[in-house]
Amino acid sequence: MEQAMVNTDKELWRERPGAYYADSIHVTKGGGIGITCGGHVIVAPIRKWHKAGNLFLCVNPNLKRWKWKLAMWLLVER
């Protein structure tokens, strides 16, 4: 007998409530943070998200020039 899969994720935010393909943020049963954007999801533990933000989004004068430029580009409100 086939069993249906149970979605154990807890949704925290959705760009357009009720829109299945809308960008969203959720927490997995195992504690990972999932961010869906444009139909693609990345799931990682909170410490990895924080490390990624620290490495790529912080204005750190010790970053290589291309990383600093990327951080500035990402931080500019569009």
N, C-alpha and C. Protein backbone atom coordinates (compact mmCIF):
# COMPACT_ATOMS: atom_id res chain seq x y z
N MET A 1 0.85 -1.18 0.00
CA MET A 1 0.00 0.00 0.00
C MET A 1 0.89 1.24 0.00
N GLU A 2 0.60 2.17 -0.89
CA GLU A 2 1.36 3.42 -0.94
C GLU A 2 0.87 4.36 0.14
N GLN A 3 1.82 5.08 0.72
CA GLN A 3 1.46 6.07 1.74
C GLN A 3 1.75 7.46 1.20
N ALA A 4 0.87 8.37 1.52
CA ALA A 4 1.07 9.76 1.10
C ALA A 4 2.18 10.39 1.94
N MET A 5 2.97 11.23 1.30
CA MET A 5 4.01 11.95 2.02
C MET A 5 3.37 13.06 2.84
N VAL A 6 3.89 13.26 4.03
CA VAL A 6 3.37 14.30 4.91
C VAL A 6 4.34 15.47 4.90
N ASN A 7 3.84 16.66 4.65
CA ASN A 7 4.67 17.86 4.68
C ASN A 7 4.81 18.29 6.12
N THR A 8 6.02 18.17 6.66
CA THR A 8 6.26 18.55 8.06
C THR A 8 6.86 19.95 8.18
N ASP A 9 7.06 20.63 7.06
CA ASP A 9 7.63 21.98 7.10
C ASP A 9 6.63 22.97 7.69
N LYS A 10 7.16 23.97 8.38
CA LYS A 10 6.32 25.03 8.94
C LYS A 10 6.62 26.31 8.16
N GLU A 11 5.63 26.78 7.44
CA GLU A 11 5.81 27.99 6.64
C GLU A 11 5.81 29.22 7.55
N LEU A 12 6.80 30.10 7.34
CA LEU A 12 6.91 31.32 8.12
C LEU A 12 6.42 32.54 7.36
N TRP A 13 6.63 32.52 6.04
CA TRP A 13 6.26 33.68 5.22
C TRP A 13 6.04 33.23 3.79
N ARG A 14 5.08 33.86 3.11
CA ARG A 14 4.83 33.61 1.68
C ARG A 14 4.50 34.96 1.05
N GLU A 15 5.14 35.23 -0.07
CA GLU A 15 4.96 36.52 -0.75
C GLU A 15 3.49 36.79 -1.06
N ARG A 16 2.81 35.80 -1.60
CA ARG A 16 1.38 35.92 -1.91
C ARG A 16 0.68 34.71 -1.30
N PRO A 17 0.00 34.91 -0.17
CA PRO A 17 -0.67 33.79 0.49
C PRO A 17 -1.56 33.01 -0.46
N GLY A 18 -1.44 31.69 -0.41
CA GLY A 18 -2.25 30.82 -1.25
C GLY A 18 -1.66 30.54 -2.61
N ALA A 19 -0.64 31.29 -3.01
CA ALA A 19 0.00 31.09 -4.32
C ALA A 19 1.10 30.04 -4.15
N TYR A 20 0.88 28.86 -4.69
CA TYR A 20 1.78 27.73 -4.49
C TYR A 20 3.21 28.02 -4.92
N TYR A 21 3.40 28.74 -6.01
CA TYR A 21 4.74 28.98 -6.54
C TYR A 21 5.37 30.30 -6.06
N ALA A 22 4.72 30.99 -5.15
CA ALA A 22 5.24 32.26 -4.66
C ALA A 22 6.49 32.03 -3.80
N ASP A 23 7.36 33.03 -3.76
CA ASP A 23 8.54 32.96 -2.91
C ASP A 23 8.10 32.76 -1.46
N SER A 24 8.89 31.98 -0.69
CA SER A 24 8.48 31.69 0.68
C SER A 24 9.68 31.30 1.55
N ILE A 25 9.45 31.29 2.85
CA ILE A 25 10.44 30.87 3.84
C ILE A 25 9.77 29.85 4.74
N HIS A 26 10.47 28.75 5.03
CA HIS A 26 9.91 27.71 5.89
C HIS A 26 11.00 27.07 6.75
N VAL A 27 10.57 26.38 7.78
CA VAL A 27 11.47 25.63 8.65
C VAL A 27 11.14 24.15 8.48
N THR A 28 12.18 23.33 8.31
CA THR A 28 11.96 21.90 8.12
C THR A 28 11.87 21.19 9.47
N LYS A 29 11.41 19.95 9.44
CA LYS A 29 11.30 19.14 10.65
C LYS A 29 12.65 19.03 11.36
N GLY A 30 13.72 18.97 10.56
CA GLY A 30 15.06 18.85 11.13
C GLY A 30 15.67 20.18 11.56
N GLY A 31 14.93 21.28 11.40
CA GLY A 31 15.42 22.58 11.85
C GLY A 31 16.11 23.40 10.78
N GLY A 32 16.12 22.94 9.53
CA GLY A 32 16.72 23.72 8.45
C GLY A 32 15.81 24.87 8.06
N ILE A 33 16.42 25.93 7.56
CA ILE A 33 15.66 27.07 7.05
C ILE A 33 15.64 26.95 5.53
N GLY A 34 14.45 26.92 4.96
CA GLY A 34 14.30 26.82 3.51
C GLY A 34 13.80 28.13 2.93
N ILE A 35 14.47 28.60 1.90
CA ILE A 35 14.04 29.82 1.22
C ILE A 35 13.79 29.44 -0.24
N THR A 36 12.56 29.66 -0.67
CA THR A 36 12.16 29.39 -2.04
C THR A 36 12.07 30.71 -2.78
N CYS A 37 12.74 30.78 -3.91
CA CYS A 37 12.72 32.01 -4.72
C CYS A 37 12.74 31.60 -6.19
N GLY A 38 11.75 32.05 -6.92
CA GLY A 38 11.69 31.74 -8.34
C GLY A 38 11.56 30.25 -8.63
N GLY A 39 10.93 29.50 -7.74
CA GLY A 39 10.73 28.07 -7.95
C GLY A 39 11.90 27.20 -7.53
N HIS A 40 12.96 27.81 -7.00
CA HIS A 40 14.13 27.05 -6.55
C HIS A 40 14.27 27.23 -5.05
N VAL A 41 14.48 26.13 -4.32
CA VAL A 41 14.60 26.21 -2.87
C VAL A 41 16.01 25.84 -2.42
N ILE A 42 16.49 26.57 -1.43
CA ILE A 42 17.75 26.24 -0.77
C ILE A 42 17.42 26.03 0.69
N VAL A 43 17.85 24.89 1.24
CA VAL A 43 17.64 24.57 2.65
C VAL A 43 19.00 24.42 3.30
N ALA A 44 19.17 25.09 4.43
CA ALA A 44 20.43 25.01 5.16
C ALA A 44 20.17 25.29 6.64
N PRO A 45 21.04 24.78 7.51
CA PRO A 45 20.91 25.10 8.93
C PRO A 45 21.14 26.60 9.17
N ILE A 46 20.61 27.11 10.24
CA ILE A 46 20.69 28.55 10.52
C ILE A 46 22.14 29.04 10.56
N ARG A 47 23.05 28.26 11.11
CA ARG A 47 24.45 28.69 11.18
C ARG A 47 25.07 28.85 9.79
N LYS A 48 24.65 27.99 8.84
CA LYS A 48 25.18 28.11 7.47
C LYS A 48 24.61 29.35 6.78
N TRP A 49 23.32 29.65 7.02
CA TRP A 49 22.73 30.87 6.46
C TRP A 49 23.47 32.08 7.01
N HIS A 50 23.74 32.07 8.31
CA HIS A 50 24.42 33.20 8.94
C HIS A 50 25.83 33.35 8.39
N LYS A 51 26.54 32.24 8.24
CA LYS A 51 27.90 32.27 7.69
C LYS A 51 27.89 32.81 6.26
N ALA A 52 26.92 32.36 5.47
CA ALA A 52 26.82 32.84 4.08
C ALA A 52 26.57 34.35 4.06
N GLY A 53 25.69 34.82 4.92
CA GLY A 53 25.43 36.25 5.00
C GLY A 53 26.67 37.02 5.44
N ASN A 54 27.38 36.46 6.39
CA ASN A 54 28.59 37.11 6.88
C ASN A 54 29.66 37.17 5.81
N LEU A 55 29.79 36.10 5.04
CA LEU A 55 30.82 36.04 4.00
C LEU A 55 30.49 36.91 2.79
N PHE A 56 29.22 36.97 2.41
CA PHE A 56 28.87 37.61 1.16
C PHE A 56 28.06 38.90 1.26
N LEU A 57 27.43 39.14 2.41
CA LEU A 57 26.56 40.31 2.49
C LEU A 57 27.07 41.40 3.42
N CYS A 58 27.99 41.06 4.30
CA CYS A 58 28.50 42.07 5.23
C CYS A 58 29.50 42.98 4.52
N VAL A 59 29.47 44.23 4.90
CA VAL A 59 30.42 45.18 4.34
C VAL A 59 31.71 45.01 5.16
N ASN A 60 32.54 44.14 4.69
CA ASN A 60 33.77 43.78 5.37
C ASN A 60 34.94 44.27 4.53
N PRO A 61 35.73 45.19 5.07
CA PRO A 61 36.84 45.74 4.27
C PRO A 61 37.90 44.71 3.91
N ASN A 62 37.88 43.55 4.55
CA ASN A 62 38.86 42.50 4.25
C ASN A 62 38.43 41.58 3.12
N LEU A 63 37.20 41.78 2.61
CA LEU A 63 36.73 40.96 1.51
C LEU A 63 37.49 41.29 0.23
N LYS A 64 37.63 40.29 -0.62
CA LYS A 64 38.18 40.56 -1.94
C LYS A 64 37.26 41.54 -2.64
N ARG A 65 37.80 42.31 -3.54
CA ARG A 65 37.05 43.38 -4.20
C ARG A 65 35.77 42.87 -4.86
N TRP A 66 35.82 41.73 -5.55
CA TRP A 66 34.61 41.23 -6.23
C TRP A 66 33.54 40.85 -5.21
N LYS A 67 33.93 40.32 -4.03
CA LYS A 67 32.93 39.96 -3.01
C LYS A 67 32.29 41.22 -2.44
N TRP A 68 33.12 42.25 -2.24
CA TRP A 68 32.60 43.51 -1.72
C TRP A 68 31.61 44.11 -2.71
N LYS A 69 31.95 44.09 -3.99
CA LYS A 69 31.04 44.62 -5.02
C LYS A 69 29.73 43.83 -5.06
N LEU A 70 29.83 42.50 -4.94
CA LEU A 70 28.62 41.67 -4.92
C LEU A 70 27.76 42.02 -3.71
N ALA A 71 28.39 42.19 -2.55
CA ALA A 71 27.65 42.55 -1.34
C ALA A 71 26.93 43.87 -1.53
N MET A 72 27.61 44.85 -2.09
CA MET A 72 27.00 46.16 -2.31
C MET A 72 25.83 46.05 -3.29
N TRP A 73 26.01 45.29 -4.36
CA TRP A 73 24.95 45.11 -5.34
C TRP A 73 23.72 44.46 -4.70
N LEU A 74 23.94 43.45 -3.85
CA LEU A 74 22.83 42.76 -3.21
C LEU A 74 22.11 43.63 -2.17
N LEU A 75 22.84 44.53 -1.56
CA LEU A 75 22.25 45.36 -0.50
C LEU A 75 21.50 46.58 -1.03
N VAL A 76 21.76 46.97 -2.27
CA VAL A 76 21.08 48.13 -2.84
C VAL A 76 19.62 47.78 -3.08
N GLU A 77 18.75 48.62 -2.56
CA GLU A 77 17.32 48.38 -2.75
C GLU A 77 16.95 48.64 -4.19
N ARG A 78 16.25 47.69 -4.79
CA ARG A 78 15.88 47.82 -6.21
C ARG A 78 14.40 48.08 -6.33
